[in-house]
Amino acid sequence: MTSVIDSPVVDVVEPPTAQELAVLDVLVRFSGRVVSRHELARQSGLADRSERRCDALLVQIRRRLGADAIRTVRSRGWILHPDAVPAARSLLG
């Protein structure tokens, strides 16, 4: 498993989608804290979408930032790794 420190932002051809950026923005704003699926969907404006939409978006964000950038906390939600915050902010612009 590669450390977030050692994995640069993955060069993905397509720019991040508006939904990916919305989810990433929530993770950055809540950095250091676990964000539940419900809270992530609500804060990113995806509450009216499928319950699993955030999961799919997190897969795409992990492809951009590296697999270890977002940690799953079982039965609670997700947390952005502190070392991934600068790369996440650079994606947000």
PDB file of N, CA and C in Angstrom:
ATOM      1  N   MET A   1       0.841  -1.176   0.000  1.00  0.00           N
ATOM      2  CA  MET A   1       0.000   0.000   0.000  1.00  0.00           C
ATOM      3  C   MET A   1       0.888   1.242   0.000  1.00  0.00           C
ATOM      4  N   THR A   2       0.625   2.170  -0.874  1.00  0.00           N
ATOM      5  CA  THR A   2       1.428   3.379  -1.000  1.00  0.00           C
ATOM      6  C   THR A   2       0.949   4.430  -0.020  1.00  0.00           C
ATOM      7  N   SER A   3       1.868   5.117   0.574  1.00  0.00           N
ATOM      8  CA  SER A   3       1.523   6.199   1.498  1.00  0.00           C
ATOM      9  C   SER A   3       1.044   7.410   0.722  1.00  0.00           C
ATOM     10  N   VAL A   4       0.121   8.158   1.329  1.00  0.00           N
ATOM     11  CA  VAL A   4      -0.378   9.375   0.695  1.00  0.00           C
ATOM     12  C   VAL A   4       0.773  10.346   0.452  1.00  0.00           C
ATOM     13  N   ILE A   5       1.721  10.364   1.366  1.00  0.00           N
ATOM     14  CA  ILE A   5       2.861  11.266   1.237  1.00  0.00           C
ATOM     15  C   ILE A   5       3.641  10.966  -0.037  1.00  0.00           C
ATOM     16  N   ASP A   6       3.755   9.661  -0.352  1.00  0.00           N
ATOM     17  CA  ASP A   6       4.539   9.248  -1.511  1.00  0.00           C
ATOM     18  C   ASP A   6       3.747   9.237  -2.811  1.00  0.00           C
ATOM     19  N   SER A   7       2.386   9.351  -2.730  1.00  0.00           N
ATOM     20  CA  SER A   7       1.645   9.293  -3.978  1.00  0.00           C
ATOM     21  C   SER A   7       1.167  10.656  -4.401  1.00  0.00           C
ATOM     22  N   PRO A   8       1.699  11.104  -5.520  1.00  0.00           N
ATOM     23  CA  PRO A   8       1.288  12.407  -6.046  1.00  0.00           C
ATOM     24  C   PRO A   8      -0.125  12.340  -6.586  1.00  0.00           C
ATOM     25  N   VAL A   9      -0.673  13.491  -6.880  1.00  0.00           N
ATOM     26  CA  VAL A   9      -1.991  13.538  -7.506  1.00  0.00           C
ATOM     27  C   VAL A   9      -1.907  12.773  -8.820  1.00  0.00           C
ATOM     28  N   VAL A  10      -2.818  11.842  -9.008  1.00  0.00           N
ATOM     29  CA  VAL A  10      -2.829  11.014 -10.214  1.00  0.00           C
ATOM     30  C   VAL A  10      -3.291  11.881 -11.376  1.00  0.00           C
ATOM     31  N   ASP A  11      -2.593  11.765 -12.487  1.00  0.00           N
ATOM     32  CA  ASP A  11      -2.938  12.552 -13.662  1.00  0.00           C
ATOM     33  C   ASP A  11      -4.091  11.883 -14.399  1.00  0.00           C
ATOM     34  N   VAL A  12      -5.300  12.370 -14.146  1.00  0.00           N
ATOM     35  CA  VAL A  12      -6.491  11.859 -14.812  1.00  0.00           C
ATOM     36  C   VAL A  12      -6.821  12.841 -15.922  1.00  0.00           C
ATOM     37  N   VAL A  13      -7.137  12.323 -17.088  1.00  0.00           N
ATOM     38  CA  VAL A  13      -7.348  13.164 -18.262  1.00  0.00           C
ATOM     39  C   VAL A  13      -8.507  14.136 -18.074  1.00  0.00           C
ATOM     40  N   GLU A  14      -9.641  13.628 -17.608  1.00  0.00           N
ATOM     41  CA  GLU A  14     -10.807  14.485 -17.460  1.00  0.00           C
ATOM     42  C   GLU A  14     -10.680  15.341 -16.202  1.00  0.00           C
ATOM     43  N   PRO A  15     -11.158  16.578 -16.281  1.00  0.00           N
ATOM     44  CA  PRO A  15     -11.170  17.402 -15.063  1.00  0.00           C
ATOM     45  C   PRO A  15     -12.210  16.850 -14.086  1.00  0.00           C
ATOM     46  N   PRO A  16     -12.071  17.140 -12.800  1.00  0.00           N
ATOM     47  CA  PRO A  16     -13.059  16.648 -11.834  1.00  0.00           C
ATOM     48  C   PRO A  16     -14.449  17.194 -12.162  1.00  0.00           C
ATOM     49  N   THR A  17     -15.459  16.371 -11.931  1.00  0.00           N
ATOM     50  CA  THR A  17     -16.832  16.807 -12.160  1.00  0.00           C
ATOM     51  C   THR A  17     -17.267  17.731 -11.021  1.00  0.00           C
ATOM     52  N   ALA A  18     -18.353  18.434 -11.241  1.00  0.00           N
ATOM     53  CA  ALA A  18     -18.891  19.327 -10.207  1.00  0.00           C
ATOM     54  C   ALA A  18     -19.249  18.536  -8.951  1.00  0.00           C
ATOM     55  N   GLN A  19     -19.779  17.331  -9.132  1.00  0.00           N
ATOM     56  CA  GLN A  19     -20.128  16.512  -7.967  1.00  0.00           C
ATOM     57  C   GLN A  19     -18.884  16.040  -7.220  1.00  0.00           C
ATOM     58  N   GLU A  20     -17.851  15.654  -7.953  1.00  0.00           N
ATOM     59  CA  GLU A  20     -16.592  15.265  -7.298  1.00  0.00           C
ATOM     60  C   GLU A  20     -16.029  16.434  -6.503  1.00  0.00           C
ATOM     61  N   LEU A  21     -16.044  17.604  -7.094  1.00  0.00           N
ATOM     62  CA  LEU A  21     -15.526  18.788  -6.403  1.00  0.00           C
ATOM     63  C   LEU A  21     -16.360  19.124  -5.174  1.00  0.00           C
ATOM     64  N   ALA A  22     -17.670  18.938  -5.259  1.00  0.00           N
ATOM     65  CA  ALA A  22     -18.533  19.217  -4.111  1.00  0.00           C
ATOM     66  C   ALA A  22     -18.219  18.273  -2.951  1.00  0.00           C
ATOM     67  N   VAL A  23     -18.039  16.991  -3.251  1.00  0.00           N
ATOM     68  CA  VAL A  23     -17.704  16.012  -2.213  1.00  0.00           C
ATOM     69  C   VAL A  23     -16.314  16.295  -1.650  1.00  0.00           C
ATOM     70  N   LEU A  24     -15.370  16.584  -2.511  1.00  0.00           N
ATOM     71  CA  LEU A  24     -14.008  16.883  -2.066  1.00  0.00           C
ATOM     72  C   LEU A  24     -13.979  18.129  -1.187  1.00  0.00           C
ATOM     73  N   ASP A  25     -14.757  19.136  -1.548  1.00  0.00           N
ATOM     74  CA  ASP A  25     -14.839  20.353  -0.747  1.00  0.00           C
ATOM     75  C   ASP A  25     -15.328  20.048   0.671  1.00  0.00           C
ATOM     76  N   VAL A  26     -16.314  19.187   0.792  1.00  0.00           N
ATOM     77  CA  VAL A  26     -16.824  18.808   2.120  1.00  0.00           C
ATOM     78  C   VAL A  26     -15.731  18.105   2.914  1.00  0.00           C
ATOM     79  N   LEU A  27     -15.028  17.169   2.284  1.00  0.00           N
ATOM     80  CA  LEU A  27     -13.959  16.451   2.985  1.00  0.00           C
ATOM     81  C   LEU A  27     -12.854  17.391   3.447  1.00  0.00           C
ATOM     82  N   VAL A  28     -12.531  18.382   2.634  1.00  0.00           N
ATOM     83  CA  VAL A  28     -11.501  19.355   3.019  1.00  0.00           C
ATOM     84  C   VAL A  28     -12.006  20.211   4.182  1.00  0.00           C
ATOM     85  N   ARG A  29     -13.242  20.690   4.083  1.00  0.00           N
ATOM     86  CA  ARG A  29     -13.801  21.527   5.158  1.00  0.00           C
ATOM     87  C   ARG A  29     -13.905  20.771   6.479  1.00  0.00           C
ATOM     88  N   PHE A  30     -14.161  19.467   6.404  1.00  0.00           N
ATOM     89  CA  PHE A  30     -14.284  18.643   7.601  1.00  0.00           C
ATOM     90  C   PHE A  30     -12.990  17.887   7.897  1.00  0.00           C
ATOM     91  N   SER A  31     -11.868  18.328   7.346  1.00  0.00           N
ATOM     92  CA  SER A  31     -10.622  17.564   7.503  1.00  0.00           C
ATOM     93  C   SER A  31     -10.311  17.358   8.982  1.00  0.00           C
ATOM     94  N   GLY A  32      -9.874  16.141   9.275  1.00  0.00           N
ATOM     95  CA  GLY A  32      -9.600  15.759  10.652  1.00  0.00           C
ATOM     96  C   GLY A  32     -10.809  15.158  11.348  1.00  0.00           C
ATOM     97  N   ARG A  33     -11.957  15.158  10.666  1.00  0.00           N
ATOM     98  CA  ARG A  33     -13.182  14.605  11.252  1.00  0.00           C
ATOM     99  C   ARG A  33     -13.798  13.581  10.296  1.00  0.00           C
ATOM    100  N   VAL A  34     -14.475  12.599  10.870  1.00  0.00           N
ATOM    101  CA  VAL A  34     -15.187  11.601  10.071  1.00  0.00           C
ATOM    102  C   VAL A  34     -16.490  12.230   9.578  1.00  0.00           C
ATOM    103  N   VAL A  35     -16.779  12.030   8.300  1.00  0.00           N
ATOM    104  CA  VAL A  35     -18.004  12.554   7.691  1.00  0.00           C
ATOM    105  C   VAL A  35     -18.874  11.358   7.290  1.00  0.00           C
ATOM    106  N   SER A  36     -20.094  11.309   7.790  1.00  0.00           N
ATOM    107  CA  SER A  36     -20.998  10.206   7.471  1.00  0.00           C
ATOM    108  C   SER A  36     -21.518  10.347   6.041  1.00  0.00           C
ATOM    109  N   ARG A  37     -22.064   9.264   5.514  1.00  0.00           N
ATOM    110  CA  ARG A  37     -22.632   9.291   4.163  1.00  0.00           C
ATOM    111  C   ARG A  37     -23.757  10.336   4.097  1.00  0.00           C
ATOM    112  N   HIS A  38     -24.607  10.344   5.104  1.00  0.00           N
ATOM    113  CA  HIS A  38     -25.727  11.294   5.132  1.00  0.00           C
ATOM    114  C   HIS A  38     -25.213  12.741   5.139  1.00  0.00           C
ATOM    115  N   GLU A  39     -24.245  13.017   5.986  1.00  0.00           N
ATOM    116  CA  GLU A  39     -23.703  14.378   6.079  1.00  0.00           C
ATOM    117  C   GLU A  39     -22.968  14.772   4.802  1.00  0.00           C
ATOM    118  N   LEU A  40     -22.220  13.844   4.250  1.00  0.00           N
ATOM    119  CA  LEU A  40     -21.495  14.121   3.005  1.00  0.00           C
ATOM    120  C   LEU A  40     -22.475  14.446   1.883  1.00  0.00           C
ATOM    121  N   ALA A  41     -23.534  13.654   1.774  1.00  0.00           N
ATOM    122  CA  ALA A  41     -24.544  13.897   0.737  1.00  0.00           C
ATOM    123  C   ALA A  41     -25.239  15.236   0.966  1.00  0.00           C
ATOM    124  N   ARG A  42     -25.589  15.527   2.212  1.00  0.00           N
ATOM    125  CA  ARG A  42     -26.290  16.773   2.521  1.00  0.00           C
ATOM    126  C   ARG A  42     -25.414  17.992   2.256  1.00  0.00           C
ATOM    127  N   GLN A  43     -24.190  17.949   2.738  1.00  0.00           N
ATOM    128  CA  GLN A  43     -23.279  19.091   2.608  1.00  0.00           C
ATOM    129  C   GLN A  43     -22.845  19.330   1.157  1.00  0.00           C
ATOM    130  N   SER A  44     -22.812  18.272   0.355  1.00  0.00           N
ATOM    131  CA  SER A  44     -22.359  18.413  -1.037  1.00  0.00           C
ATOM    132  C   SER A  44     -23.509  18.627  -2.016  1.00  0.00           C
ATOM    133  N   GLY A  45     -24.732  18.690  -1.502  1.00  0.00           N
ATOM    134  CA  GLY A  45     -25.882  18.929  -2.362  1.00  0.00           C
ATOM    135  C   GLY A  45     -26.359  17.696  -3.112  1.00  0.00           C
ATOM    136  N   LEU A  46     -26.006  16.520  -2.603  1.00  0.00           N
ATOM    137  CA  LEU A  46     -26.378  15.272  -3.273  1.00  0.00           C
ATOM    138  C   LEU A  46     -27.432  14.483  -2.505  1.00  0.00           C
ATOM    139  N   ALA A  47     -28.079  15.106  -1.547  1.00  0.00           N
ATOM    140  CA  ALA A  47     -29.029  14.395  -0.689  1.00  0.00           C
ATOM    141  C   ALA A  47     -30.196  13.808  -1.477  1.00  0.00           C
ATOM    142  N   ASP A  48     -30.517  14.409  -2.616  1.00  0.00           N
ATOM    143  CA  ASP A  48     -31.634  13.909  -3.426  1.00  0.00           C
ATOM    144  C   ASP A  48     -31.220  12.771  -4.369  1.00  0.00           C
ATOM    145  N   ARG A  49     -29.941  12.422  -4.377  1.00  0.00           N
ATOM    146  CA  ARG A  49     -29.431  11.350  -5.243  1.00  0.00           C
ATOM    147  C   ARG A  49     -29.477  10.009  -4.523  1.00  0.00           C
ATOM    148  N   SER A  50     -29.081   8.970  -5.221  1.00  0.00           N
ATOM    149  CA  SER A  50     -28.999   7.637  -4.633  1.00  0.00           C
ATOM    150  C   SER A  50     -28.082   7.665  -3.413  1.00  0.00           C
ATOM    151  N   GLU A  51     -28.426   6.825  -2.447  1.00  0.00           N
ATOM    152  CA  GLU A  51     -27.632   6.737  -1.222  1.00  0.00           C
ATOM    153  C   GLU A  51     -26.174   6.386  -1.519  1.00  0.00           C
ATOM    154  N   ARG A  52     -25.943   5.668  -2.587  1.00  0.00           N
ATOM    155  CA  ARG A  52     -24.590   5.215  -2.931  1.00  0.00           C
ATOM    156  C   ARG A  52     -23.838   6.164  -3.867  1.00  0.00           C
ATOM    157  N   ARG A  53     -24.440   7.272  -4.227  1.00  0.00           N
ATOM    158  CA  ARG A  53     -23.772   8.202  -5.150  1.00  0.00           C
ATOM    159  C   ARG A  53     -22.459   8.702  -4.565  1.00  0.00           C
ATOM    160  N   CYS A  54     -22.447   9.022  -3.274  1.00  0.00           N
ATOM    161  CA  CYS A  54     -21.207   9.486  -2.642  1.00  0.00           C
ATOM    162  C   CYS A  54     -20.121   8.423  -2.732  1.00  0.00           C
ATOM    163  N   ASP A  55     -20.509   7.147  -2.571  1.00  0.00           N
ATOM    164  CA  ASP A  55     -19.528   6.064  -2.664  1.00  0.00           C
ATOM    165  C   ASP A  55     -18.848   6.068  -4.032  1.00  0.00           C
ATOM    166  N   ALA A  56     -19.655   6.202  -5.073  1.00  0.00           N
ATOM    167  CA  ALA A  56     -19.109   6.208  -6.433  1.00  0.00           C
ATOM    168  C   ALA A  56     -18.185   7.403  -6.652  1.00  0.00           C
ATOM    169  N   LEU A  57     -18.568   8.543  -6.120  1.00  0.00           N
ATOM    170  CA  LEU A  57     -17.737   9.741  -6.270  1.00  0.00           C
ATOM    171  C   LEU A  57     -16.426   9.596  -5.500  1.00  0.00           C
ATOM    172  N   LEU A  58     -16.475   8.957  -4.344  1.00  0.00           N
ATOM    173  CA  LEU A  58     -15.257   8.748  -3.563  1.00  0.00           C
ATOM    174  C   LEU A  58     -14.270   7.851  -4.305  1.00  0.00           C
ATOM    175  N   VAL A  59     -14.778   6.883  -5.060  1.00  0.00           N
ATOM    176  CA  VAL A  59     -13.905   6.031  -5.882  1.00  0.00           C
ATOM    177  C   VAL A  59     -13.151   6.904  -6.886  1.00  0.00           C
ATOM    178  N   GLN A  60     -13.860   7.823  -7.534  1.00  0.00           N
ATOM    179  CA  GLN A  60     -13.228   8.709  -8.515  1.00  0.00           C
ATOM    180  C   GLN A  60     -12.206   9.643  -7.849  1.00  0.00           C
ATOM    181  N   ILE A  61     -12.550  10.152  -6.692  1.00  0.00           N
ATOM    182  CA  ILE A  61     -11.630  11.058  -5.980  1.00  0.00           C
ATOM    183  C   ILE A  61     -10.382  10.299  -5.552  1.00  0.00           C
ATOM    184  N   ARG A  62     -10.550   9.062  -5.092  1.00  0.00           N
ATOM    185  CA  ARG A  62      -9.389   8.247  -4.714  1.00  0.00           C
ATOM    186  C   ARG A  62      -8.478   8.001  -5.921  1.00  0.00           C
ATOM    187  N   ARG A  63      -9.057   7.848  -7.091  1.00  0.00           N
ATOM    188  CA  ARG A  63      -8.240   7.672  -8.303  1.00  0.00           C
ATOM    189  C   ARG A  63      -7.396   8.908  -8.569  1.00  0.00           C
ATOM    190  N   ARG A  64      -7.908  10.054  -8.228  1.00  0.00           N
ATOM    191  CA  ARG A  64      -7.180  11.307  -8.452  1.00  0.00           C
ATOM    192  C   ARG A  64      -6.127  11.576  -7.377  1.00  0.00           C
ATOM    193  N   LEU A  65      -6.462  11.272  -6.113  1.00  0.00           N
ATOM    194  CA  LEU A  65      -5.578  11.613  -4.999  1.00  0.00           C
ATOM    195  C   LEU A  65      -4.716  10.455  -4.511  1.00  0.00           C
ATOM    196  N   GLY A  66      -5.072   9.239  -4.882  1.00  0.00           N
ATOM    197  CA  GLY A  66      -4.371   8.067  -4.367  1.00  0.00           C
ATOM    198  C   GLY A  66      -5.286   7.283  -3.447  1.00  0.00           C
ATOM    199  N   ALA A  67      -5.087   5.996  -3.410  1.00  0.00           N
ATOM    200  CA  ALA A  67      -5.983   5.101  -2.677  1.00  0.00           C
ATOM    201  C   ALA A  67      -6.060   5.400  -1.185  1.00  0.00           C
ATOM    202  N   ASP A  68      -4.975   5.878  -0.611  1.00  0.00           N
ATOM    203  CA  ASP A  68      -4.931   6.117   0.829  1.00  0.00           C
ATOM    204  C   ASP A  68      -5.367   7.527   1.229  1.00  0.00           C
ATOM    205  N   ALA A  69      -5.756   8.325   0.278  1.00  0.00           N
ATOM    206  CA  ALA A  69      -6.106   9.715   0.581  1.00  0.00           C
ATOM    207  C   ALA A  69      -7.376   9.832   1.414  1.00  0.00           C
ATOM    208  N   ILE A  70      -8.313   8.907   1.195  1.00  0.00           N
ATOM    209  CA  ILE A  70      -9.569   8.928   1.933  1.00  0.00           C
ATOM    210  C   ILE A  70      -9.698   7.597   2.659  1.00  0.00           C
ATOM    211  N   ARG A  71      -9.808   7.676   3.972  1.00  0.00           N
ATOM    212  CA  ARG A  71      -9.909   6.465   4.781  1.00  0.00           C
ATOM    213  C   ARG A  71     -11.366   6.185   5.119  1.00  0.00           C
ATOM    214  N   THR A  72     -11.786   4.951   4.970  1.00  0.00           N
ATOM    215  CA  THR A  72     -13.128   4.535   5.376  1.00  0.00           C
ATOM    216  C   THR A  72     -13.088   4.160   6.844  1.00  0.00           C
ATOM    217  N   VAL A  73     -13.999   4.741   7.615  1.00  0.00           N
ATOM    218  CA  VAL A  73     -14.140   4.408   9.030  1.00  0.00           C
ATOM    219  C   VAL A  73     -15.428   3.594   9.139  1.00  0.00           C
ATOM    220  N   ARG A  74     -15.282   2.330   9.350  1.00  0.00           N
ATOM    221  CA  ARG A  74     -16.413   1.395   9.309  1.00  0.00           C
ATOM    222  C   ARG A  74     -17.592   1.864  10.161  1.00  0.00           C
ATOM    223  N   SER A  75     -18.760   1.832   9.562  1.00  0.00           N
ATOM    224  CA  SER A  75     -20.036   2.195  10.193  1.00  0.00           C
ATOM    225  C   SER A  75     -20.139   3.669  10.577  1.00  0.00           C
ATOM    226  N   ARG A  76     -19.172   4.478  10.174  1.00  0.00           N
ATOM    227  CA  ARG A  76     -19.202   5.899  10.524  1.00  0.00           C
ATOM    228  C   ARG A  76     -19.114   6.813   9.321  1.00  0.00           C
ATOM    229  N   GLY A  77     -18.232   6.508   8.356  1.00  0.00           N
ATOM    230  CA  GLY A  77     -18.089   7.382   7.201  1.00  0.00           C
ATOM    231  C   GLY A  77     -16.670   7.405   6.679  1.00  0.00           C
ATOM    232  N   TRP A  78     -16.223   8.596   6.281  1.00  0.00           N
ATOM    233  CA  TRP A  78     -14.907   8.753   5.670  1.00  0.00           C
ATOM    234  C   TRP A  78     -14.176   9.938   6.275  1.00  0.00           C
ATOM    235  N   ILE A  79     -12.856   9.876   6.176  1.00  0.00           N
ATOM    236  CA  ILE A  79     -12.012  10.974   6.645  1.00  0.00           C
ATOM    237  C   ILE A  79     -10.891  11.182   5.625  1.00  0.00           C
ATOM    238  N   LEU A  80     -10.617  12.430   5.316  1.00  0.00           N
ATOM    239  CA  LEU A  80      -9.528  12.774   4.400  1.00  0.00           C
ATOM    240  C   LEU A  80      -8.215  12.724   5.168  1.00  0.00           C
ATOM    241  N   HIS A  81      -7.254  11.981   4.647  1.00  0.00           N
ATOM    242  CA  HIS A  81      -5.942  11.874   5.290  1.00  0.00           C
ATOM    243  C   HIS A  81      -5.303  13.266   5.320  1.00  0.00           C
ATOM    244  N   PRO A  82      -4.733  13.658   6.460  1.00  0.00           N
ATOM    245  CA  PRO A  82      -4.141  15.006   6.567  1.00  0.00           C
ATOM    246  C   PRO A  82      -3.103  15.310   5.486  1.00  0.00           C
ATOM    247  N   ASP A  83      -2.332  14.305   5.086  1.00  0.00           N
ATOM    248  CA  ASP A  83      -1.313  14.526   4.054  1.00  0.00           C
ATOM    249  C   ASP A  83      -1.912  14.733   2.680  1.00  0.00           C
ATOM    250  N   ALA A  84      -3.196  14.405   2.505  1.00  0.00           N
ATOM    251  CA  ALA A  84      -3.863  14.567   1.208  1.00  0.00           C
ATOM    252  C   ALA A  84      -4.545  15.924   1.056  1.00  0.00           C
ATOM    253  N   VAL A  85      -4.614  16.680   2.148  1.00  0.00           N
ATOM    254  CA  VAL A  85      -5.321  17.974   2.105  1.00  0.00           C
ATOM    255  C   VAL A  85      -4.698  18.937   1.077  1.00  0.00           C
ATOM    256  N   PRO A  86      -3.381  19.116   1.025  1.00  0.00           N
ATOM    257  CA  PRO A  86      -2.827  20.034   0.010  1.00  0.00           C
ATOM    258  C   PRO A  86      -3.166  19.635  -1.426  1.00  0.00           C
ATOM    259  N   ALA A  87      -3.100  18.349  -1.738  1.00  0.00           N
ATOM    260  CA  ALA A  87      -3.437  17.890  -3.087  1.00  0.00           C
ATOM    261  C   ALA A  87      -4.926  18.095  -3.369  1.00  0.00           C
ATOM    262  N   ALA A  88      -5.748  17.876  -2.345  1.00  0.00           N
ATOM    263  CA  ALA A  88      -7.190  18.082  -2.503  1.00  0.00           C
ATOM    264  C   ALA A  88      -7.479  19.554  -2.759  1.00  0.00           C
ATOM    265  N   ARG A  89      -6.818  20.413  -2.016  1.00  0.00           N
ATOM    266  CA  ARG A  89      -7.016  21.860  -2.225  1.00  0.00           C
ATOM    267  C   ARG A  89      -6.575  22.283  -3.614  1.00  0.00           C
ATOM    268  N   SER A  90      -5.519  21.675  -4.124  1.00  0.00           N
ATOM    269  CA  SER A  90      -5.066  22.038  -5.475  1.00  0.00           C
ATOM    270  C   SER A  90      -6.097  21.617  -6.524  1.00  0.00           C
ATOM    271  N   LEU A  91      -6.787  20.504  -6.304  1.00  0.00           N
ATOM    272  CA  LEU A  91      -7.845  20.108  -7.228  1.00  0.00           C
ATOM    273  C   LEU A  91      -9.031  21.069  -7.163  1.00  0.00           C
ATOM    274  N   LEU A  92      -9.281  21.586  -5.970  1.00  0.00           N
ATOM    275  CA  LEU A  92     -10.397  22.517  -5.794  1.00  0.00           C
ATOM    276  C   LEU A  92     -10.103  23.862  -6.435  1.00  0.00           C
ATOM    277  N   GLY A  93      -8.824  24.136  -6.625  1.00  0.00           N
ATOM    278  CA  GLY A  93      -8.448  25.392  -7.288  1.00  0.00           C
ATOM    279  C   GLY A  93      -8.325  26.469  -6.332  1.00  0.00           C
TER     280      GLY A  93
END
